[in-house]
Amino acid sequence: MTQQRGVRLHDLPMQPDHRYEHVESPAGIKGGFRFSLTDGAWWWSPGMFALHGYRPAQLRRVRPSTRLILTHRHPGDRQAMAAAWAHLLADGKLAAFHYRIVGADGITRPVFALASTDFNRGHDPTMVTGVLQLEEFSTRTGSPSSQATMSSTAWP
């Protein structure tokens, strides 16, 4: 029995991911990402760079990586994010979560994220794809978001 190889990110065409286009950001900032679990490569849309506090002139010099992602997570959200990613990789269903990004520009931005995992025929996770949008106000309290909340319930 031959094992199916996973999709490598650099083998994919660099086209926009339209799966989450219906998600609108009140502030007009939203970003998409892909993370290949087979080679560890990240792809970010220009909006992802903006959400992480990078200006357009910086895009060529900044290379998305797991280390970069972790440096931008608010320290109070890191444990919850680790649990959310573990859950996402285990079941792959569409997951929703809120957390804070500490931008390269020093601004902390609350964001809402949707992400899902693709699996190969052997049921091994190969790719995480998602979208983030800036949260100006919490939909639950009407006030600015200040703490991460992770949904372990996937959307049907």
N, C-alpha and C. Protein backbone atom coordinates (compact mmCIF):
# COMPACT_ATOMS: atom_id res chain seq x y z
N MET A 1 0.85 -1.18 0.00
CA MET A 1 0.00 0.00 0.00
C MET A 1 0.89 1.24 0.00
N THR A 2 0.67 2.13 -0.94
CA THR A 2 1.45 3.35 -1.00
C THR A 2 0.75 4.44 -0.23
N GLN A 3 1.54 5.23 0.46
CA GLN A 3 0.99 6.32 1.26
C GLN A 3 0.85 7.56 0.39
N GLN A 4 -0.30 8.19 0.47
CA GLN A 4 -0.57 9.41 -0.29
C GLN A 4 0.26 10.56 0.28
N ARG A 5 0.95 11.27 -0.59
CA ARG A 5 1.70 12.45 -0.15
C ARG A 5 0.74 13.61 0.04
N GLY A 6 1.05 14.46 0.98
CA GLY A 6 0.22 15.64 1.23
C GLY A 6 0.51 16.73 0.22
N VAL A 7 -0.37 17.67 0.15
CA VAL A 7 -0.21 18.82 -0.73
C VAL A 7 0.81 19.76 -0.12
N ARG A 8 1.77 20.18 -0.92
CA ARG A 8 2.75 21.16 -0.45
C ARG A 8 2.27 22.53 -0.87
N LEU A 9 2.40 23.49 0.03
CA LEU A 9 1.86 24.82 -0.20
C LEU A 9 2.46 25.48 -1.42
N HIS A 10 3.76 25.33 -1.62
CA HIS A 10 4.37 26.01 -2.77
C HIS A 10 3.97 25.37 -4.09
N ASP A 11 3.31 24.20 -4.06
CA ASP A 11 2.81 23.58 -5.28
C ASP A 11 1.44 24.13 -5.69
N LEU A 12 0.80 24.84 -4.78
CA LEU A 12 -0.52 25.40 -5.06
C LEU A 12 -0.40 26.72 -5.79
N PRO A 13 -1.32 27.00 -6.69
CA PRO A 13 -1.29 28.32 -7.34
C PRO A 13 -1.60 29.39 -6.32
N MET A 14 -0.96 30.52 -6.43
CA MET A 14 -1.16 31.62 -5.48
C MET A 14 -2.39 32.41 -5.90
N GLN A 15 -3.54 31.80 -5.73
CA GLN A 15 -4.81 32.43 -6.06
C GLN A 15 -5.57 32.70 -4.77
N PRO A 16 -6.46 33.67 -4.82
CA PRO A 16 -7.26 33.93 -3.63
C PRO A 16 -8.10 32.71 -3.27
N ASP A 17 -8.32 32.50 -2.01
CA ASP A 17 -9.17 31.41 -1.54
C ASP A 17 -10.57 32.01 -1.36
N HIS A 18 -11.51 31.59 -2.17
CA HIS A 18 -12.84 32.19 -2.18
C HIS A 18 -13.82 31.49 -1.24
N ARG A 19 -13.37 30.51 -0.47
CA ARG A 19 -14.30 29.76 0.38
C ARG A 19 -14.97 30.62 1.44
N TYR A 20 -14.32 31.70 1.86
CA TYR A 20 -14.85 32.49 2.96
C TYR A 20 -15.14 33.93 2.56
N GLU A 21 -15.41 34.16 1.27
CA GLU A 21 -15.63 35.53 0.81
C GLU A 21 -16.83 36.19 1.45
N HIS A 22 -17.77 35.41 1.95
CA HIS A 22 -18.98 35.98 2.54
C HIS A 22 -18.71 36.65 3.89
N VAL A 23 -17.53 36.43 4.46
CA VAL A 23 -17.20 37.04 5.75
C VAL A 23 -16.77 38.47 5.50
N GLU A 24 -17.49 39.41 6.04
CA GLU A 24 -17.19 40.82 5.84
C GLU A 24 -16.66 41.42 7.13
N SER A 25 -15.73 42.30 7.01
CA SER A 25 -15.15 42.96 8.17
C SER A 25 -15.73 44.36 8.30
N PRO A 26 -16.20 44.72 9.50
CA PRO A 26 -16.75 46.07 9.67
C PRO A 26 -15.72 47.15 9.39
N ALA A 27 -14.45 46.88 9.65
CA ALA A 27 -13.42 47.88 9.43
C ALA A 27 -12.76 47.72 8.06
N GLY A 28 -13.24 46.76 7.28
CA GLY A 28 -12.69 46.56 5.95
C GLY A 28 -11.39 45.78 5.94
N ILE A 29 -10.94 45.27 7.06
CA ILE A 29 -9.69 44.50 7.09
C ILE A 29 -10.03 43.04 7.34
N LYS A 30 -9.72 42.21 6.37
CA LYS A 30 -9.84 40.78 6.57
C LYS A 30 -8.68 40.13 5.85
N GLY A 31 -8.31 38.96 6.30
CA GLY A 31 -7.18 38.30 5.69
C GLY A 31 -7.37 36.81 5.66
N GLY A 32 -6.76 36.19 4.67
CA GLY A 32 -6.81 34.74 4.54
C GLY A 32 -5.43 34.14 4.72
N PHE A 33 -5.41 32.87 5.08
CA PHE A 33 -4.14 32.18 5.24
C PHE A 33 -4.29 30.73 4.84
N ARG A 34 -3.16 30.13 4.53
CA ARG A 34 -3.04 28.68 4.34
C ARG A 34 -1.78 28.25 5.07
N PHE A 35 -1.87 27.10 5.71
CA PHE A 35 -0.71 26.54 6.39
C PHE A 35 -0.59 25.07 5.99
N SER A 36 0.51 24.74 5.34
CA SER A 36 0.76 23.37 4.91
C SER A 36 1.36 22.58 6.06
N LEU A 37 0.69 21.52 6.44
CA LEU A 37 1.20 20.66 7.51
C LEU A 37 2.25 19.69 6.99
N THR A 38 2.40 19.59 5.68
CA THR A 38 3.40 18.68 5.13
C THR A 38 4.78 19.31 5.04
N ASP A 39 4.84 20.63 4.78
CA ASP A 39 6.16 21.26 4.69
C ASP A 39 6.32 22.49 5.59
N GLY A 40 5.27 22.81 6.37
CA GLY A 40 5.37 23.92 7.32
C GLY A 40 5.30 25.31 6.72
N ALA A 41 4.98 25.39 5.43
CA ALA A 41 4.95 26.69 4.75
C ALA A 41 3.63 27.41 5.02
N TRP A 42 3.71 28.73 5.14
CA TRP A 42 2.55 29.59 5.33
C TRP A 42 2.35 30.45 4.10
N TRP A 43 1.11 30.77 3.77
CA TRP A 43 0.76 31.79 2.80
C TRP A 43 -0.22 32.73 3.46
N TRP A 44 0.03 34.04 3.34
CA TRP A 44 -0.87 35.06 3.87
C TRP A 44 -1.33 35.96 2.73
N SER A 45 -2.59 36.38 2.81
CA SER A 45 -3.09 37.41 1.90
C SER A 45 -2.56 38.76 2.38
N PRO A 46 -2.64 39.80 1.55
CA PRO A 46 -2.23 41.13 2.01
C PRO A 46 -2.97 41.58 3.27
N GLY A 47 -4.24 41.19 3.40
CA GLY A 47 -5.01 41.55 4.60
C GLY A 47 -4.45 40.92 5.87
N MET A 48 -3.88 39.73 5.77
CA MET A 48 -3.26 39.09 6.95
C MET A 48 -2.06 39.91 7.41
N PHE A 49 -1.28 40.39 6.46
CA PHE A 49 -0.14 41.23 6.83
C PHE A 49 -0.63 42.49 7.54
N ALA A 50 -1.72 43.10 7.01
CA ALA A 50 -2.26 44.32 7.62
C ALA A 50 -2.77 44.03 9.05
N LEU A 51 -3.47 42.91 9.24
CA LEU A 51 -3.96 42.56 10.57
C LEU A 51 -2.81 42.36 11.56
N HIS A 52 -1.65 41.97 11.06
CA HIS A 52 -0.47 41.76 11.92
C HIS A 52 0.41 43.01 12.00
N GLY A 53 -0.11 44.14 11.50
CA GLY A 53 0.58 45.41 11.68
C GLY A 53 1.68 45.72 10.69
N TYR A 54 1.69 45.03 9.56
CA TYR A 54 2.72 45.30 8.55
C TYR A 54 2.17 46.20 7.46
N ARG A 55 2.98 47.15 7.02
CA ARG A 55 2.62 48.05 5.93
C ARG A 55 2.94 47.37 4.59
N PRO A 56 2.27 47.81 3.53
CA PRO A 56 2.52 47.20 2.21
C PRO A 56 3.99 47.18 1.82
N ALA A 57 4.75 48.20 2.18
CA ALA A 57 6.18 48.25 1.82
C ALA A 57 6.98 47.15 2.51
N GLN A 58 6.45 46.57 3.58
CA GLN A 58 7.17 45.55 4.33
C GLN A 58 6.88 44.13 3.84
N LEU A 59 5.92 43.95 2.96
CA LEU A 59 5.47 42.61 2.59
C LEU A 59 6.57 41.74 2.00
N ARG A 60 7.47 42.31 1.23
CA ARG A 60 8.54 41.51 0.62
C ARG A 60 9.58 41.04 1.63
N ARG A 61 9.69 41.76 2.74
CA ARG A 61 10.72 41.42 3.74
C ARG A 61 10.20 40.49 4.84
N VAL A 62 8.89 40.39 4.99
CA VAL A 62 8.31 39.58 6.06
C VAL A 62 7.86 38.25 5.49
N ARG A 63 8.36 37.18 6.08
CA ARG A 63 7.99 35.84 5.63
C ARG A 63 7.16 35.16 6.71
N PRO A 64 5.88 34.86 6.41
CA PRO A 64 5.05 34.19 7.41
C PRO A 64 5.65 32.85 7.83
N SER A 65 5.60 32.59 9.12
CA SER A 65 6.10 31.33 9.67
C SER A 65 5.37 31.06 10.98
N THR A 66 5.50 29.85 11.46
CA THR A 66 4.87 29.52 12.74
C THR A 66 5.47 30.38 13.84
N ARG A 67 6.74 30.58 13.81
CA ARG A 67 7.40 31.43 14.83
C ARG A 67 6.85 32.85 14.79
N LEU A 68 6.68 33.40 13.58
CA LEU A 68 6.14 34.75 13.45
C LEU A 68 4.71 34.81 13.99
N ILE A 69 3.92 33.81 13.67
CA ILE A 69 2.54 33.75 14.16
C ILE A 69 2.54 33.80 15.69
N LEU A 70 3.38 32.99 16.31
CA LEU A 70 3.41 32.92 17.78
C LEU A 70 3.87 34.23 18.41
N THR A 71 4.78 34.94 17.76
CA THR A 71 5.24 36.21 18.34
C THR A 71 4.14 37.27 18.30
N HIS A 72 3.18 37.13 17.41
CA HIS A 72 2.10 38.10 17.30
C HIS A 72 0.87 37.75 18.15
N ARG A 73 0.85 36.60 18.78
CA ARG A 73 -0.29 36.24 19.63
C ARG A 73 -0.17 36.95 20.96
N HIS A 74 -1.28 37.47 21.42
CA HIS A 74 -1.31 38.10 22.74
C HIS A 74 -0.94 37.03 23.77
N PRO A 75 -0.05 37.32 24.71
CA PRO A 75 0.38 36.30 25.69
C PRO A 75 -0.79 35.65 26.43
N GLY A 76 -1.84 36.39 26.68
CA GLY A 76 -2.99 35.82 27.38
C GLY A 76 -3.83 34.87 26.55
N ASP A 77 -3.57 34.82 25.24
CA ASP A 77 -4.35 33.98 24.34
C ASP A 77 -3.60 32.74 23.85
N ARG A 78 -2.34 32.64 24.15
CA ARG A 78 -1.52 31.57 23.56
C ARG A 78 -1.96 30.17 23.96
N GLN A 79 -2.31 29.96 25.22
CA GLN A 79 -2.73 28.62 25.67
C GLN A 79 -4.05 28.22 25.00
N ALA A 80 -4.99 29.15 24.95
CA ALA A 80 -6.28 28.86 24.31
C ALA A 80 -6.10 28.61 22.82
N MET A 81 -5.20 29.35 22.18
CA MET A 81 -4.95 29.13 20.75
C MET A 81 -4.34 27.76 20.49
N ALA A 82 -3.44 27.33 21.36
CA ALA A 82 -2.85 26.00 21.21
C ALA A 82 -3.94 24.93 21.30
N ALA A 83 -4.86 25.08 22.22
CA ALA A 83 -5.96 24.12 22.36
C ALA A 83 -6.87 24.16 21.14
N ALA A 84 -7.14 25.35 20.63
CA ALA A 84 -8.00 25.48 19.45
C ALA A 84 -7.36 24.82 18.23
N TRP A 85 -6.06 25.01 18.04
CA TRP A 85 -5.37 24.38 16.91
C TRP A 85 -5.35 22.87 17.05
N ALA A 86 -5.16 22.37 18.27
CA ALA A 86 -5.17 20.91 18.48
C ALA A 86 -6.53 20.35 18.10
N HIS A 87 -7.60 21.04 18.50
CA HIS A 87 -8.95 20.60 18.17
C HIS A 87 -9.17 20.67 16.66
N LEU A 88 -8.74 21.75 16.04
CA LEU A 88 -8.90 21.92 14.60
C LEU A 88 -8.19 20.82 13.81
N LEU A 89 -7.00 20.45 14.24
CA LEU A 89 -6.25 19.40 13.54
C LEU A 89 -6.84 18.02 13.78
N ALA A 90 -7.50 17.85 14.93
CA ALA A 90 -8.06 16.54 15.25
C ALA A 90 -9.33 16.24 14.46
N ASP A 91 -10.23 17.23 14.34
CA ASP A 91 -11.49 16.91 13.66
C ASP A 91 -11.68 17.62 12.33
N GLY A 92 -10.98 18.72 12.09
CA GLY A 92 -11.00 19.38 10.81
C GLY A 92 -12.25 20.13 10.45
N LYS A 93 -13.26 20.09 11.30
CA LYS A 93 -14.49 20.81 10.99
C LYS A 93 -14.23 22.31 11.07
N LEU A 94 -15.10 23.06 10.45
CA LEU A 94 -14.98 24.50 10.48
C LEU A 94 -15.08 24.97 11.92
N ALA A 95 -14.05 25.66 12.38
CA ALA A 95 -14.00 26.14 13.76
C ALA A 95 -13.95 27.66 13.76
N ALA A 96 -14.52 28.23 14.79
CA ALA A 96 -14.55 29.68 14.94
C ALA A 96 -13.92 30.05 16.28
N PHE A 97 -13.12 31.10 16.29
CA PHE A 97 -12.53 31.55 17.54
C PHE A 97 -12.17 33.02 17.48
N HIS A 98 -12.07 33.60 18.66
CA HIS A 98 -11.70 35.01 18.84
C HIS A 98 -10.37 35.03 19.58
N TYR A 99 -9.48 35.92 19.20
CA TYR A 99 -8.23 36.11 19.92
C TYR A 99 -7.66 37.47 19.57
N ARG A 100 -6.51 37.81 20.14
CA ARG A 100 -5.88 39.10 19.90
C ARG A 100 -4.53 38.93 19.22
N ILE A 101 -4.29 39.82 18.27
CA ILE A 101 -3.00 39.89 17.58
C ILE A 101 -2.28 41.13 18.10
N VAL A 102 -1.03 40.97 18.48
CA VAL A 102 -0.19 42.12 18.84
C VAL A 102 0.61 42.44 17.57
N GLY A 103 0.26 43.54 16.93
CA GLY A 103 0.83 43.89 15.65
C GLY A 103 2.27 44.35 15.72
N ALA A 104 2.94 44.27 14.58
CA ALA A 104 4.31 44.76 14.47
C ALA A 104 4.37 46.26 14.73
N ASP A 105 3.23 46.93 14.56
CA ASP A 105 3.14 48.37 14.81
C ASP A 105 2.79 48.68 16.26
N GLY A 106 2.70 47.65 17.11
CA GLY A 106 2.41 47.85 18.53
C GLY A 106 0.94 47.89 18.89
N ILE A 107 0.05 47.80 17.90
CA ILE A 107 -1.39 47.85 18.16
C ILE A 107 -1.91 46.43 18.38
N THR A 108 -2.71 46.27 19.45
CA THR A 108 -3.36 44.98 19.71
C THR A 108 -4.71 45.00 19.04
N ARG A 109 -4.94 43.99 18.18
CA ARG A 109 -6.17 43.91 17.41
C ARG A 109 -6.95 42.65 17.78
N PRO A 110 -8.21 42.82 18.22
CA PRO A 110 -9.05 41.63 18.42
C PRO A 110 -9.54 41.15 17.06
N VAL A 111 -9.48 39.84 16.83
CA VAL A 111 -9.89 39.28 15.55
C VAL A 111 -10.84 38.11 15.77
N PHE A 112 -11.60 37.84 14.73
CA PHE A 112 -12.47 36.67 14.66
C PHE A 112 -11.91 35.80 13.55
N ALA A 113 -11.78 34.51 13.79
CA ALA A 113 -11.21 33.61 12.79
C ALA A 113 -12.13 32.44 12.51
N LEU A 114 -12.13 32.01 11.26
CA LEU A 114 -12.76 30.77 10.83
C LEU A 114 -11.66 29.96 10.17
N ALA A 115 -11.58 28.69 10.49
CA ALA A 115 -10.54 27.85 9.89
C ALA A 115 -11.04 26.41 9.77
N SER A 116 -10.48 25.70 8.81
CA SER A 116 -10.79 24.28 8.65
C SER A 116 -9.54 23.56 8.19
N THR A 117 -9.55 22.26 8.35
CA THR A 117 -8.40 21.43 8.01
C THR A 117 -8.77 20.49 6.87
N ASP A 118 -7.87 20.36 5.91
CA ASP A 118 -8.03 19.37 4.83
C ASP A 118 -7.24 18.13 5.21
N PHE A 119 -7.78 16.97 4.84
CA PHE A 119 -7.15 15.70 5.14
C PHE A 119 -6.91 14.94 3.85
N ASN A 120 -5.86 14.10 3.84
CA ASN A 120 -5.62 13.26 2.68
C ASN A 120 -6.46 11.98 2.79
N ARG A 121 -6.32 11.09 1.85
CA ARG A 121 -7.12 9.85 1.85
C ARG A 121 -6.82 8.97 3.04
N GLY A 122 -5.65 9.11 3.63
CA GLY A 122 -5.30 8.35 4.82
C GLY A 122 -5.77 9.01 6.10
N HIS A 123 -6.55 10.09 5.97
CA HIS A 123 -7.11 10.84 7.10
C HIS A 123 -6.04 11.58 7.91
N ASP A 124 -4.92 11.88 7.26
CA ASP A 124 -3.88 12.68 7.91
C ASP A 124 -4.13 14.14 7.55
N PRO A 125 -4.03 15.06 8.52
CA PRO A 125 -4.23 16.48 8.20
C PRO A 125 -3.10 16.98 7.30
N THR A 126 -3.47 17.74 6.27
CA THR A 126 -2.46 18.23 5.32
C THR A 126 -2.41 19.75 5.21
N MET A 127 -3.54 20.43 5.38
CA MET A 127 -3.58 21.87 5.15
C MET A 127 -4.64 22.50 6.06
N VAL A 128 -4.28 23.64 6.65
CA VAL A 128 -5.25 24.44 7.39
C VAL A 128 -5.47 25.71 6.59
N THR A 129 -6.72 26.04 6.36
CA THR A 129 -7.08 27.22 5.59
C THR A 129 -8.05 28.04 6.43
N GLY A 130 -7.88 29.35 6.42
CA GLY A 130 -8.79 30.16 7.21
C GLY A 130 -8.82 31.61 6.81
N VAL A 131 -9.67 32.33 7.50
CA VAL A 131 -9.84 33.75 7.29
C VAL A 131 -9.98 34.43 8.65
N LEU A 132 -9.43 35.62 8.75
CA LEU A 132 -9.55 36.43 9.96
C LEU A 132 -10.19 37.75 9.58
N GLN A 133 -10.91 38.32 10.51
CA GLN A 133 -11.40 39.68 10.31
C GLN A 133 -11.24 40.45 11.60
N LEU A 134 -11.01 41.73 11.44
CA LEU A 134 -10.87 42.61 12.59
C LEU A 134 -12.21 42.72 13.30
N GLU A 135 -12.18 42.61 14.61
CA GLU A 135 -13.38 42.77 15.43
C GLU A 135 -13.32 44.13 16.08
N GLU A 136 -14.21 45.00 15.69
CA GLU A 136 -14.24 46.30 16.36
C GLU A 136 -14.93 46.19 17.70
N PHE A 137 -16.00 45.40 17.74
CA PHE A 137 -16.74 45.20 18.98
C PHE A 137 -17.12 43.74 19.10
N SER A 138 -17.17 43.27 20.33
CA SER A 138 -17.60 41.91 20.59
C SER A 138 -19.08 41.79 20.26
N THR A 139 -19.44 40.73 19.56
CA THR A 139 -20.85 40.52 19.23
C THR A 139 -21.64 40.09 20.46
N ARG A 140 -20.95 39.64 21.48
CA ARG A 140 -21.65 39.17 22.69
C ARG A 140 -21.92 40.29 23.67
N THR A 141 -21.02 41.24 23.81
CA THR A 141 -21.17 42.25 24.86
C THR A 141 -21.36 43.66 24.34
N GLY A 142 -21.08 43.90 23.06
CA GLY A 142 -21.18 45.25 22.52
C GLY A 142 -20.00 46.12 22.90
N SER A 143 -18.99 45.54 23.56
CA SER A 143 -17.80 46.30 23.93
C SER A 143 -16.59 45.70 23.23
N PRO A 144 -15.50 46.43 23.19
CA PRO A 144 -14.32 45.89 22.51
C PRO A 144 -13.89 44.56 23.12
N SER A 145 -13.47 43.64 22.26
CA SER A 145 -13.00 42.34 22.73
C SER A 145 -11.73 42.52 23.52
N SER A 146 -11.59 41.76 24.60
CA SER A 146 -10.39 41.90 25.41
C SER A 146 -9.80 40.56 25.81
N GLN A 147 -10.43 39.48 25.45
CA GLN A 147 -9.91 38.18 25.84
C GLN A 147 -10.30 37.15 24.80
N ALA A 148 -9.40 36.19 24.60
CA ALA A 148 -9.66 35.17 23.60
C ALA A 148 -10.77 34.24 24.06
N THR A 149 -11.60 33.83 23.11
CA THR A 149 -12.56 32.79 23.36
C THR A 149 -12.51 31.86 22.17
N MET A 150 -12.40 30.60 22.44
CA MET A 150 -12.29 29.61 21.39
C MET A 150 -13.54 28.76 21.38
N SER A 151 -14.08 28.54 20.22
CA SER A 151 -15.24 27.68 20.09
C SER A 151 -14.78 26.30 19.72
N SER A 152 -15.10 25.33 20.56
CA SER A 152 -14.75 23.97 20.22
C SER A 152 -15.85 23.32 19.44
N THR A 153 -16.94 24.02 19.26
CA THR A 153 -18.02 23.47 18.44
C THR A 153 -17.83 23.92 17.02
N ALA A 154 -17.78 22.98 16.16
CA ALA A 154 -17.64 23.30 14.74
C ALA A 154 -19.01 23.65 14.18
N TRP A 155 -19.00 24.41 13.13
CA TRP A 155 -20.26 24.78 12.49
C TRP A 155 -20.65 23.68 11.52
N PRO A 156 -21.94 23.38 11.44
CA PRO A 156 -22.38 22.31 10.51
C PRO A 156 -22.17 22.69 9.06
